Amino acid sequence: MQPLTAYLPKNMSSRTALRVGCLVVWAFGVMILIAVACALFVARPDLSQWFAGQGGGSACGGPQLTLGASQFRIQDIAASPDGSIPF
């Protein structure tokens, strides 16, 4: 394996190559952060409510199931101590 200086152009020192490498890694990290921020913005457009502590829940009062023209509210049901589900 050849030393790093064998791969560098004649006018570039290894210190300059290290700086350029660090700059490339830093720029790549910034691009990843921007991509994640864009993905969060697209996937969750109401982030302002989420960060405000409102949980980003639905303004309609909770989760609903819509089948055709009928809407059903989804509720949590706790299991009994014997494992059965009361309904």
PDB file of N, CA and C in Angstrom:
ATOM      1  N   MET A   1       0.852  -1.182   0.000  1.00  0.00           N
ATOM      2  CA  MET A   1       0.000   0.000   0.000  1.00  0.00           C
ATOM      3  C   MET A   1       0.883   1.226   0.000  1.00  0.00           C
ATOM      4  N   GLN A   2       0.559   2.183  -0.857  1.00  0.00           N
ATOM      5  CA  GLN A   2       1.359   3.387  -0.981  1.00  0.00           C
ATOM      6  C   GLN A   2       0.907   4.428   0.037  1.00  0.00           C
ATOM      7  N   PRO A   3       1.806   5.291   0.452  1.00  0.00           N
ATOM      8  CA  PRO A   3       1.410   6.353   1.382  1.00  0.00           C
ATOM      9  C   PRO A   3       0.449   7.331   0.710  1.00  0.00           C
ATOM     10  N   LEU A   4      -0.262   8.091   1.532  1.00  0.00           N
ATOM     11  CA  LEU A   4      -1.264   9.042   1.044  1.00  0.00           C
ATOM     12  C   LEU A   4      -0.658  10.036   0.065  1.00  0.00           C
ATOM     13  N   THR A   5       0.575  10.447   0.303  1.00  0.00           N
ATOM     14  CA  THR A   5       1.192  11.455  -0.564  1.00  0.00           C
ATOM     15  C   THR A   5       1.378  10.950  -1.987  1.00  0.00           C
ATOM     16  N   ALA A   6       1.382   9.648  -2.213  1.00  0.00           N
ATOM     17  CA  ALA A   6       1.524   9.119  -3.564  1.00  0.00           C
ATOM     18  C   ALA A   6       0.259   9.359  -4.389  1.00  0.00           C
ATOM     19  N   TYR A   7      -0.892   9.506  -3.745  1.00  0.00           N
ATOM     20  CA  TYR A   7      -2.160   9.716  -4.444  1.00  0.00           C
ATOM     21  C   TYR A   7      -2.502  11.190  -4.638  1.00  0.00           C
ATOM     22  N   LEU A   8      -1.765  12.067  -3.990  1.00  0.00           N
ATOM     23  CA  LEU A   8      -2.062  13.496  -4.056  1.00  0.00           C
ATOM     24  C   LEU A   8      -1.443  14.119  -5.298  1.00  0.00           C
ATOM     25  N   PRO A   9      -2.083  15.183  -5.801  1.00  0.00           N
ATOM     26  CA  PRO A   9      -1.411  15.937  -6.856  1.00  0.00           C
ATOM     27  C   PRO A   9      -0.094  16.488  -6.341  1.00  0.00           C
ATOM     28  N   LYS A  10       0.831  16.784  -7.220  1.00  0.00           N
ATOM     29  CA  LYS A  10       2.180  17.219  -6.825  1.00  0.00           C
ATOM     30  C   LYS A  10       2.176  18.495  -5.996  1.00  0.00           C
ATOM     31  N   ASN A  11       1.218  19.375  -6.236  1.00  0.00           N
ATOM     32  CA  ASN A  11       1.203  20.660  -5.528  1.00  0.00           C
ATOM     33  C   ASN A  11       0.340  20.647  -4.262  1.00  0.00           C
ATOM     34  N   MET A  12      -0.153  19.487  -3.799  1.00  0.00           N
ATOM     35  CA  MET A  12      -1.011  19.414  -2.612  1.00  0.00           C
ATOM     36  C   MET A  12      -0.293  18.635  -1.513  1.00  0.00           C
ATOM     37  N   SER A  13      -0.197  19.236  -0.350  1.00  0.00           N
ATOM     38  CA  SER A  13       0.442  18.568   0.780  1.00  0.00           C
ATOM     39  C   SER A  13      -0.565  17.665   1.486  1.00  0.00           C
ATOM     40  N   SER A  14      -0.083  16.797   2.343  1.00  0.00           N
ATOM     41  CA  SER A  14      -0.987  15.904   3.076  1.00  0.00           C
ATOM     42  C   SER A  14      -1.845  16.684   4.062  1.00  0.00           C
ATOM     43  N   ARG A  15      -1.326  17.796   4.579  1.00  0.00           N
ATOM     44  CA  ARG A  15      -2.113  18.633   5.493  1.00  0.00           C
ATOM     45  C   ARG A  15      -3.292  19.268   4.750  1.00  0.00           C
ATOM     46  N   THR A  16      -3.064  19.731   3.543  1.00  0.00           N
ATOM     47  CA  THR A  16      -4.137  20.301   2.733  1.00  0.00           C
ATOM     48  C   THR A  16      -5.151  19.227   2.377  1.00  0.00           C
ATOM     49  N   ALA A  17      -4.663  18.042   2.054  1.00  0.00           N
ATOM     50  CA  ALA A  17      -5.577  16.941   1.730  1.00  0.00           C
ATOM     51  C   ALA A  17      -6.442  16.590   2.931  1.00  0.00           C
ATOM     52  N   LEU A  18      -5.883  16.627   4.132  1.00  0.00           N
ATOM     53  CA  LEU A  18      -6.645  16.347   5.339  1.00  0.00           C
ATOM     54  C   LEU A  18      -7.721  17.397   5.547  1.00  0.00           C
ATOM     55  N   ARG A  19      -7.380  18.650   5.310  1.00  0.00           N
ATOM     56  CA  ARG A  19      -8.370  19.721   5.448  1.00  0.00           C
ATOM     57  C   ARG A  19      -9.494  19.565   4.432  1.00  0.00           C
ATOM     58  N   VAL A  20      -9.148  19.234   3.206  1.00  0.00           N
ATOM     59  CA  VAL A  20     -10.155  19.043   2.167  1.00  0.00           C
ATOM     60  C   VAL A  20     -11.046  17.853   2.533  1.00  0.00           C
ATOM     61  N   GLY A  21     -10.445  16.776   3.043  1.00  0.00           N
ATOM     62  CA  GLY A  21     -11.219  15.612   3.455  1.00  0.00           C
ATOM     63  C   GLY A  21     -12.177  15.943   4.578  1.00  0.00           C
ATOM     64  N   CYS A  22     -11.723  16.707   5.555  1.00  0.00           N
ATOM     65  CA  CYS A  22     -12.594  17.110   6.661  1.00  0.00           C
ATOM     66  C   CYS A  22     -13.736  17.994   6.159  1.00  0.00           C
ATOM     67  N   LEU A  23     -13.426  18.880   5.230  1.00  0.00           N
ATOM     68  CA  LEU A  23     -14.460  19.744   4.666  1.00  0.00           C
ATOM     69  C   LEU A  23     -15.505  18.926   3.914  1.00  0.00           C
ATOM     70  N   VAL A  24     -15.068  17.920   3.179  1.00  0.00           N
ATOM     71  CA  VAL A  24     -16.007  17.076   2.436  1.00  0.00           C
ATOM     72  C   VAL A  24     -16.897  16.300   3.407  1.00  0.00           C
ATOM     73  N   VAL A  25     -16.332  15.743   4.466  1.00  0.00           N
ATOM     74  CA  VAL A  25     -17.120  14.996   5.451  1.00  0.00           C
ATOM     75  C   VAL A  25     -18.105  15.930   6.151  1.00  0.00           C
ATOM     76  N   TRP A  26     -17.661  17.120   6.502  1.00  0.00           N
ATOM     77  CA  TRP A  26     -18.542  18.093   7.163  1.00  0.00           C
ATOM     78  C   TRP A  26     -19.687  18.484   6.234  1.00  0.00           C
ATOM     79  N   ALA A  27     -19.398  18.757   4.956  1.00  0.00           N
ATOM     80  CA  ALA A  27     -20.432  19.140   3.996  1.00  0.00           C
ATOM     81  C   ALA A  27     -21.424  17.994   3.795  1.00  0.00           C
ATOM     82  N   PHE A  28     -20.940  16.769   3.756  1.00  0.00           N
ATOM     83  CA  PHE A  28     -21.819  15.611   3.613  1.00  0.00           C
ATOM     84  C   PHE A  28     -22.745  15.500   4.818  1.00  0.00           C
ATOM     85  N   GLY A  29     -22.234  15.730   6.028  1.00  0.00           N
ATOM     86  CA  GLY A  29     -23.059  15.700   7.231  1.00  0.00           C
ATOM     87  C   GLY A  29     -24.135  16.774   7.213  1.00  0.00           C
ATOM     88  N   VAL A  30     -23.781  17.968   6.754  1.00  0.00           N
ATOM     89  CA  VAL A  30     -24.762  19.050   6.671  1.00  0.00           C
ATOM     90  C   VAL A  30     -25.859  18.695   5.663  1.00  0.00           C
ATOM     91  N   MET A  31     -25.469  18.091   4.537  1.00  0.00           N
ATOM     92  CA  MET A  31     -26.482  17.684   3.551  1.00  0.00           C
ATOM     93  C   MET A  31     -27.415  16.619   4.123  1.00  0.00           C
ATOM     94  N   ILE A  32     -26.890  15.708   4.934  1.00  0.00           N
ATOM     95  CA  ILE A  32     -27.740  14.696   5.570  1.00  0.00           C
ATOM     96  C   ILE A  32     -28.721  15.353   6.533  1.00  0.00           C
ATOM     97  N   LEU A  33     -28.245  16.307   7.330  1.00  0.00           N
ATOM     98  CA  LEU A  33     -29.139  17.015   8.258  1.00  0.00           C
ATOM     99  C   LEU A  33     -30.235  17.774   7.517  1.00  0.00           C
ATOM    100  N   ILE A  34     -29.894  18.396   6.405  1.00  0.00           N
ATOM    101  CA  ILE A  34     -30.897  19.115   5.616  1.00  0.00           C
ATOM    102  C   ILE A  34     -31.915  18.133   5.040  1.00  0.00           C
ATOM    103  N   ALA A  35     -31.445  16.978   4.570  1.00  0.00           N
ATOM    104  CA  ALA A  35     -32.361  15.970   4.019  1.00  0.00           C
ATOM    105  C   ALA A  35     -33.308  15.453   5.095  1.00  0.00           C
ATOM    106  N   VAL A  36     -32.808  15.233   6.307  1.00  0.00           N
ATOM    107  CA  VAL A  36     -33.660  14.761   7.404  1.00  0.00           C
ATOM    108  C   VAL A  36     -34.690  15.825   7.764  1.00  0.00           C
ATOM    109  N   ALA A  37     -34.259  17.081   7.808  1.00  0.00           N
ATOM    110  CA  ALA A  37     -35.195  18.168   8.123  1.00  0.00           C
ATOM    111  C   ALA A  37     -36.283  18.269   7.058  1.00  0.00           C
ATOM    112  N   CYS A  38     -35.924  18.126   5.788  1.00  0.00           N
ATOM    113  CA  CYS A  38     -36.924  18.169   4.715  1.00  0.00           C
ATOM    114  C   CYS A  38     -37.880  16.989   4.819  1.00  0.00           C
ATOM    115  N   ALA A  39     -37.349  15.819   5.137  1.00  0.00           N
ATOM    116  CA  ALA A  39     -38.216  14.636   5.265  1.00  0.00           C
ATOM    117  C   ALA A  39     -39.197  14.812   6.416  1.00  0.00           C
ATOM    118  N   LEU A  40     -38.732  15.363   7.534  1.00  0.00           N
ATOM    119  CA  LEU A  40     -39.633  15.606   8.657  1.00  0.00           C
ATOM    120  C   LEU A  40     -40.685  16.646   8.309  1.00  0.00           C
ATOM    121  N   PHE A  41     -40.308  17.648   7.544  1.00  0.00           N
ATOM    122  CA  PHE A  41     -41.272  18.672   7.161  1.00  0.00           C
ATOM    123  C   PHE A  41     -42.349  18.094   6.248  1.00  0.00           C
ATOM    124  N   VAL A  42     -41.945  17.237   5.329  1.00  0.00           N
ATOM    125  CA  VAL A  42     -42.915  16.646   4.400  1.00  0.00           C
ATOM    126  C   VAL A  42     -43.792  15.629   5.118  1.00  0.00           C
ATOM    127  N   ALA A  43     -43.187  14.793   5.975  1.00  0.00           N
ATOM    128  CA  ALA A  43     -43.943  13.741   6.649  1.00  0.00           C
ATOM    129  C   ALA A  43     -44.824  14.280   7.763  1.00  0.00           C
ATOM    130  N   ARG A  44     -44.440  15.355   8.371  1.00  0.00           N
ATOM    131  CA  ARG A  44     -45.168  15.875   9.521  1.00  0.00           C
ATOM    132  C   ARG A  44     -45.269  17.394   9.406  1.00  0.00           C
ATOM    133  N   PRO A  45     -46.197  17.916   8.607  1.00  0.00           N
ATOM    134  CA  PRO A  45     -46.247  19.369   8.387  1.00  0.00           C
ATOM    135  C   PRO A  45     -46.666  20.174   9.607  1.00  0.00           C
ATOM    136  N   ASP A  46     -47.210  19.544  10.632  1.00  0.00           N
ATOM    137  CA  ASP A  46     -47.625  20.296  11.820  1.00  0.00           C
ATOM    138  C   ASP A  46     -46.588  20.196  12.935  1.00  0.00           C
ATOM    139  N   LEU A  47     -45.307  20.305  12.586  1.00  0.00           N
ATOM    140  CA  LEU A  47     -44.248  20.204  13.593  1.00  0.00           C
ATOM    141  C   LEU A  47     -44.322  21.317  14.630  1.00  0.00           C
ATOM    142  N   SER A  48     -44.851  22.469  14.270  1.00  0.00           N
ATOM    143  CA  SER A  48     -44.921  23.557  15.241  1.00  0.00           C
ATOM    144  C   SER A  48     -45.804  23.170  16.417  1.00  0.00           C
ATOM    145  N   GLN A  49     -46.905  22.472  16.187  1.00  0.00           N
ATOM    146  CA  GLN A  49     -47.760  22.014  17.281  1.00  0.00           C
ATOM    147  C   GLN A  49     -47.065  20.914  18.076  1.00  0.00           C
ATOM    148  N   TRP A  50     -46.316  20.061  17.370  1.00  0.00           N
ATOM    149  CA  TRP A  50     -45.618  18.951  18.043  1.00  0.00           C
ATOM    150  C   TRP A  50     -44.568  19.481  19.009  1.00  0.00           C
ATOM    151  N   PHE A  51     -43.800  20.510  18.570  1.00  0.00           N
ATOM    152  CA  PHE A  51     -42.779  21.087  19.437  1.00  0.00           C
ATOM    153  C   PHE A  51     -43.388  21.937  20.536  1.00  0.00           C
ATOM    154  N   ALA A  52     -44.597  22.437  20.353  1.00  0.00           N
ATOM    155  CA  ALA A  52     -45.251  23.252  21.367  1.00  0.00           C
ATOM    156  C   ALA A  52     -45.834  22.402  22.486  1.00  0.00           C
ATOM    157  N   GLY A  53     -45.758  21.077  22.369  1.00  0.00           N
ATOM    158  CA  GLY A  53     -46.235  20.201  23.426  1.00  0.00           C
ATOM    159  C   GLY A  53     -47.682  19.796  23.274  1.00  0.00           C
ATOM    160  N   GLN A  54     -48.265  20.069  22.127  1.00  0.00           N
ATOM    161  CA  GLN A  54     -49.658  19.703  21.920  1.00  0.00           C
ATOM    162  C   GLN A  54     -49.784  18.298  21.363  1.00  0.00           C
ATOM    163  N   GLY A  55     -48.660  17.629  21.147  1.00  0.00           N
ATOM    164  CA  GLY A  55     -48.688  16.244  20.723  1.00  0.00           C
ATOM    165  C   GLY A  55     -48.992  16.026  19.256  1.00  0.00           C
ATOM    166  N   GLY A  56     -49.377  17.034  18.542  1.00  0.00           N
ATOM    167  CA  GLY A  56     -49.661  16.893  17.119  1.00  0.00           C
ATOM    168  C   GLY A  56     -50.863  16.028  16.825  1.00  0.00           C
ATOM    169  N   GLY A  57     -51.752  15.875  17.796  1.00  0.00           N
ATOM    170  CA  GLY A  57     -52.940  15.041  17.606  1.00  0.00           C
ATOM    171  C   GLY A  57     -53.910  15.656  16.627  1.00  0.00           C
ATOM    172  N   SER A  58     -54.896  14.906  16.299  1.00  0.00           N
ATOM    173  CA  SER A  58     -55.899  15.375  15.351  1.00  0.00           C
ATOM    174  C   SER A  58     -56.772  16.443  16.001  1.00  0.00           C
ATOM    175  N   ALA A  59     -57.136  17.416  15.224  1.00  0.00           N
ATOM    176  CA  ALA A  59     -58.005  18.484  15.723  1.00  0.00           C
ATOM    177  C   ALA A  59     -59.455  18.005  15.823  1.00  0.00           C
ATOM    178  N   CYS A  60     -59.731  16.804  15.331  1.00  0.00           N
ATOM    179  CA  CYS A  60     -61.100  16.277  15.325  1.00  0.00           C
ATOM    180  C   CYS A  60     -61.446  15.526  16.608  1.00  0.00           C
ATOM    181  N   GLY A  61     -60.530  15.400  17.538  1.00  0.00           N
ATOM    182  CA  GLY A  61     -60.845  14.777  18.810  1.00  0.00           C
ATOM    183  C   GLY A  61     -60.354  13.354  18.968  1.00  0.00           C
ATOM    184  N   GLY A  62     -59.455  12.892  18.172  1.00  0.00           N
ATOM    185  CA  GLY A  62     -58.906  11.557  18.341  1.00  0.00           C
ATOM    186  C   GLY A  62     -58.910  10.746  17.067  1.00  0.00           C
ATOM    187  N   PRO A  63     -58.352   9.547  17.138  1.00  0.00           N
ATOM    188  CA  PRO A  63     -58.272   8.720  15.938  1.00  0.00           C
ATOM    189  C   PRO A  63     -59.637   8.184  15.526  1.00  0.00           C
ATOM    190  N   GLN A  64     -59.846   8.103  14.225  1.00  0.00           N
ATOM    191  CA  GLN A  64     -61.115   7.624  13.691  1.00  0.00           C
ATOM    192  C   GLN A  64     -60.859   6.638  12.559  1.00  0.00           C
ATOM    193  N   LEU A  65     -61.790   5.720  12.381  1.00  0.00           N
ATOM    194  CA  LEU A  65     -61.785   4.787  11.270  1.00  0.00           C
ATOM    195  C   LEU A  65     -62.939   5.163  10.361  1.00  0.00           C
ATOM    196  N   THR A  66     -62.634   5.368   9.090  1.00  0.00           N
ATOM    197  CA  THR A  66     -63.671   5.738   8.136  1.00  0.00           C
ATOM    198  C   THR A  66     -63.865   4.591   7.158  1.00  0.00           C
ATOM    199  N   LEU A  67     -65.087   4.077   7.086  1.00  0.00           N
ATOM    200  CA  LEU A  67     -65.465   3.030   6.142  1.00  0.00           C
ATOM    201  C   LEU A  67     -66.627   3.557   5.321  1.00  0.00           C
ATOM    202  N   GLY A  68     -66.324   3.935   4.086  1.00  0.00           N
ATOM    203  CA  GLY A  68     -67.372   4.532   3.253  1.00  0.00           C
ATOM    204  C   GLY A  68     -67.803   5.858   3.835  1.00  0.00           C
ATOM    205  N   ALA A  69     -69.107   5.990   4.107  1.00  0.00           N
ATOM    206  CA  ALA A  69     -69.630   7.227   4.686  1.00  0.00           C
ATOM    207  C   ALA A  69     -69.681   7.165   6.209  1.00  0.00           C
ATOM    208  N   SER A  70     -69.361   6.003   6.793  1.00  0.00           N
ATOM    209  CA  SER A  70     -69.440   5.845   8.256  1.00  0.00           C
ATOM    210  C   SER A  70     -68.086   6.121   8.892  1.00  0.00           C
ATOM    211  N   GLN A  71     -68.124   6.798  10.041  1.00  0.00           N
ATOM    212  CA  GLN A  71     -66.914   7.062  10.809  1.00  0.00           C
ATOM    213  C   GLN A  71     -67.062   6.455  12.190  1.00  0.00           C
ATOM    214  N   PHE A  72     -66.014   5.809  12.655  1.00  0.00           N
ATOM    215  CA  PHE A  72     -66.007   5.171  13.969  1.00  0.00           C
ATOM    216  C   PHE A  72     -64.841   5.713  14.770  1.00  0.00           C
ATOM    217  N   ARG A  73     -65.108   6.064  16.027  1.00  0.00           N
ATOM    218  CA  ARG A  73     -64.061   6.557  16.914  1.00  0.00           C
ATOM    219  C   ARG A  73     -63.310   5.378  17.491  1.00  0.00           C
ATOM    220  N   ILE A  74     -61.993   5.436  17.520  1.00  0.00           N
ATOM    221  CA  ILE A  74     -61.167   4.361  18.063  1.00  0.00           C
ATOM    222  C   ILE A  74     -60.866   4.673  19.521  1.00  0.00           C
ATOM    223  N   GLN A  75     -61.159   3.705  20.406  1.00  0.00           N
ATOM    224  CA  GLN A  75     -60.941   3.891  21.842  1.00  0.00           C
ATOM    225  C   GLN A  75     -60.001   2.803  22.356  1.00  0.00           C
ATOM    226  N   ASP A  76     -59.242   3.133  23.398  1.00  0.00           N
ATOM    227  CA  ASP A  76     -58.413   2.145  24.077  1.00  0.00           C
ATOM    228  C   ASP A  76     -59.280   1.391  25.080  1.00  0.00           C
ATOM    229  N   ILE A  77     -59.131   0.085  25.121  1.00  0.00           N
ATOM    230  CA  ILE A  77     -59.864  -0.744  26.078  1.00  0.00           C
ATOM    231  C   ILE A  77     -58.841  -1.520  26.886  1.00  0.00           C
ATOM    232  N   ALA A  78     -58.882  -1.362  28.196  1.00  0.00           N
ATOM    233  CA  ALA A  78     -57.958  -2.075  29.073  1.00  0.00           C
ATOM    234  C   ALA A  78     -58.449  -3.503  29.299  1.00  0.00           C
ATOM    235  N   ALA A  79     -57.506  -4.432  29.323  1.00  0.00           N
ATOM    236  CA  ALA A  79     -57.857  -5.829  29.560  1.00  0.00           C
ATOM    237  C   ALA A  79     -58.147  -6.047  31.043  1.00  0.00           C
ATOM    238  N   SER A  80     -59.045  -6.977  31.330  1.00  0.00           N
ATOM    239  CA  SER A  80     -59.357  -7.349  32.718  1.00  0.00           C
ATOM    240  C   SER A  80     -58.174  -8.101  33.310  1.00  0.00           C
ATOM    241  N   PRO A  81     -58.145  -8.244  34.644  1.00  0.00           N
ATOM    242  CA  PRO A  81     -57.038  -8.981  35.273  1.00  0.00           C
ATOM    243  C   PRO A  81     -56.935 -10.433  34.809  1.00  0.00           C
ATOM    244  N   ASP A  82     -58.045 -11.030  34.385  1.00  0.00           N
ATOM    245  CA  ASP A  82     -57.972 -12.415  33.903  1.00  0.00           C
ATOM    246  C   ASP A  82     -57.579 -12.522  32.443  1.00  0.00           C
ATOM    247  N   GLY A  83     -57.348 -11.378  31.769  1.00  0.00           N
ATOM    248  CA  GLY A  83     -56.894 -11.363  30.381  1.00  0.00           C
ATOM    249  C   GLY A  83     -58.006 -11.174  29.377  1.00  0.00           C
ATOM    250  N   SER A  84     -59.252 -11.202  29.800  1.00  0.00           N
ATOM    251  CA  SER A  84     -60.349 -10.993  28.859  1.00  0.00           C
ATOM    252  C   SER A  84     -60.514  -9.516  28.559  1.00  0.00           C
ATOM    253  N   ILE A  85     -61.141  -9.236  27.436  1.00  0.00           N
ATOM    254  CA  ILE A  85     -61.335  -7.848  27.021  1.00  0.00           C
ATOM    255  C   ILE A  85     -62.822  -7.528  27.130  1.00  0.00           C
ATOM    256  N   PRO A  86     -63.188  -6.604  28.022  1.00  0.00           N
ATOM    257  CA  PRO A  86     -64.591  -6.239  28.167  1.00  0.00           C
ATOM    258  C   PRO A  86     -65.012  -5.303  27.016  1.00  0.00           C
ATOM    259  N   PHE A  87     -66.159  -5.585  26.450  1.00  0.00           N
ATOM    260  CA  PHE A  87     -66.683  -4.673  25.436  1.00  0.00           C
ATOM    261  C   PHE A  87     -68.196  -4.716  25.430  1.00  0.00           C
TER     262      PHE A  87
END
